[in-house]
Amino acid sequence: MPPYEWAPGALERLPEDIEPFEALQVVIDGRPRLPLPGIATGFPVLTVIGRTRTGRPLAVVCRDLGEMTWQVLFVRCLSDTELTWFTTWEERR
């Protein structure tokens, strides 16, 4: 299990209705999650879509710092369209 750390300012930008532990549940716990590689402001990121222990779907955007360390950049709830797409992925996997 790789360690995760919060990017500077990431906790301050966390939406009020999302707790830091929920983001970590999505990336660390063993429930199915969908990793989506991408690019943000010129560097590679990995968006991890998954559910918290209570079943709440979240998107957690991280970047690889190397040495098996990941930095959480931001966290958000899924849009209705993303939730439909993710639920379909869960059912078909």
Protein backbone atom coordinates (compact mmCIF):
# COMPACT_ATOMS: atom_id res chain seq x y z
CA MET A 1 0.00 0.00 0.00
CA PRO A 2 1.66 3.24 -1.08
CA PRO A 3 1.69 6.15 1.32
CA TYR A 4 -0.43 9.17 0.54
CA GLU A 5 0.15 12.77 1.51
CA TRP A 6 -1.88 15.90 0.94
CA ALA A 7 -0.64 18.56 -1.47
CA PRO A 8 -0.16 22.03 0.02
CA GLY A 9 -3.58 23.70 0.21
CA ALA A 10 -5.48 20.53 -0.75
CA LEU A 11 -7.15 20.15 2.64
CA GLU A 12 -8.21 23.80 2.58
CA ARG A 13 -9.80 23.27 -0.87
CA LEU A 14 -11.63 20.12 0.22
CA PRO A 15 -15.39 20.59 -0.21
CA GLU A 16 -17.09 21.11 3.15
CA ASP A 17 -19.14 17.93 2.83
CA ILE A 18 -16.11 15.67 2.19
CA GLU A 19 -13.89 14.51 5.05
CA PRO A 20 -10.18 13.78 4.48
CA PHE A 21 -10.59 10.20 5.72
CA GLU A 22 -13.19 9.57 3.00
CA ALA A 23 -10.68 10.43 0.27
CA LEU A 24 -8.13 8.08 1.79
CA GLN A 25 -10.73 5.30 2.01
CA VAL A 26 -11.24 5.56 -1.74
CA VAL A 27 -7.54 5.21 -2.59
CA ILE A 28 -6.37 2.86 0.18
CA ASP A 29 -9.20 0.48 1.08
CA GLY A 30 -9.59 -2.69 -0.92
CA ARG A 31 -12.92 -1.92 -2.58
CA PRO A 32 -13.04 -1.81 -6.40
CA ARG A 33 -11.85 1.48 -7.79
CA LEU A 34 -11.32 2.80 -11.27
CA PRO A 35 -7.95 4.47 -11.98
CA LEU A 36 -8.01 6.98 -14.84
CA PRO A 37 -4.66 8.44 -15.95
CA GLY A 38 -4.61 12.00 -17.24
CA ILE A 39 -2.68 15.26 -17.45
CA ALA A 40 -3.25 18.33 -15.26
CA THR A 41 -1.33 21.55 -15.77
CA GLY A 42 1.42 19.74 -17.61
CA PHE A 43 2.09 16.81 -15.31
CA PRO A 44 0.61 13.32 -15.16
CA VAL A 45 -2.12 12.62 -12.62
CA LEU A 46 -4.23 9.65 -11.68
CA THR A 47 -7.91 10.13 -10.92
CA VAL A 48 -9.14 7.32 -8.71
CA ILE A 49 -12.91 6.86 -8.73
CA GLY A 50 -14.28 4.69 -5.98
CA ARG A 51 -16.53 4.46 -2.97
CA THR A 52 -15.99 5.17 0.69
CA ARG A 53 -16.81 2.56 3.33
CA THR A 54 -20.34 3.99 3.48
CA GLY A 55 -20.72 3.70 -0.31
CA ARG A 56 -20.24 7.36 -1.17
CA PRO A 57 -18.71 7.75 -4.66
CA LEU A 58 -15.79 10.18 -4.93
CA ALA A 59 -13.07 11.14 -7.40
CA VAL A 60 -9.61 11.57 -5.87
CA VAL A 61 -6.95 13.17 -8.07
CA CYS A 62 -3.37 12.23 -7.19
CA ARG A 63 0.09 12.55 -8.62
CA ASP A 64 2.96 10.12 -8.31
CA LEU A 65 5.87 11.64 -6.40
CA GLY A 66 7.99 8.52 -6.93
CA GLU A 67 9.31 6.12 -4.31
CA MET A 68 5.77 4.70 -3.93
CA THR A 69 4.43 8.02 -2.61
CA TRP A 70 1.29 9.66 -3.96
CA GLN A 71 0.10 13.21 -3.36
CA VAL A 72 -3.62 13.95 -3.14
CA LEU A 73 -4.27 17.11 -5.16
CA PHE A 74 -8.04 17.39 -4.81
CA VAL A 75 -11.20 15.44 -4.14
CA ARG A 76 -14.71 15.91 -5.46
CA CYS A 77 -18.09 14.27 -5.68
CA LEU A 78 -19.06 12.67 -8.97
CA SER A 79 -21.43 14.42 -11.35
CA ASP A 80 -24.69 12.62 -12.17
CA THR A 81 -23.25 11.53 -15.52
CA GLU A 82 -20.04 10.25 -13.92
CA LEU A 83 -22.01 8.40 -11.27
CA THR A 84 -24.11 6.65 -13.92
CA TRP A 85 -20.97 5.72 -15.86
CA PHE A 86 -19.14 4.49 -12.73
CA THR A 87 -22.14 2.45 -11.52
CA THR A 88 -22.29 0.77 -14.93
CA TRP A 89 -18.56 0.02 -14.70
CA GLU A 90 -19.05 -1.51 -11.23
CA GLU A 91 -21.88 -3.73 -12.47
CA ARG A 92 -19.89 -4.96 -15.50
CA ARG A 93 -16.48 -5.53 -13.95
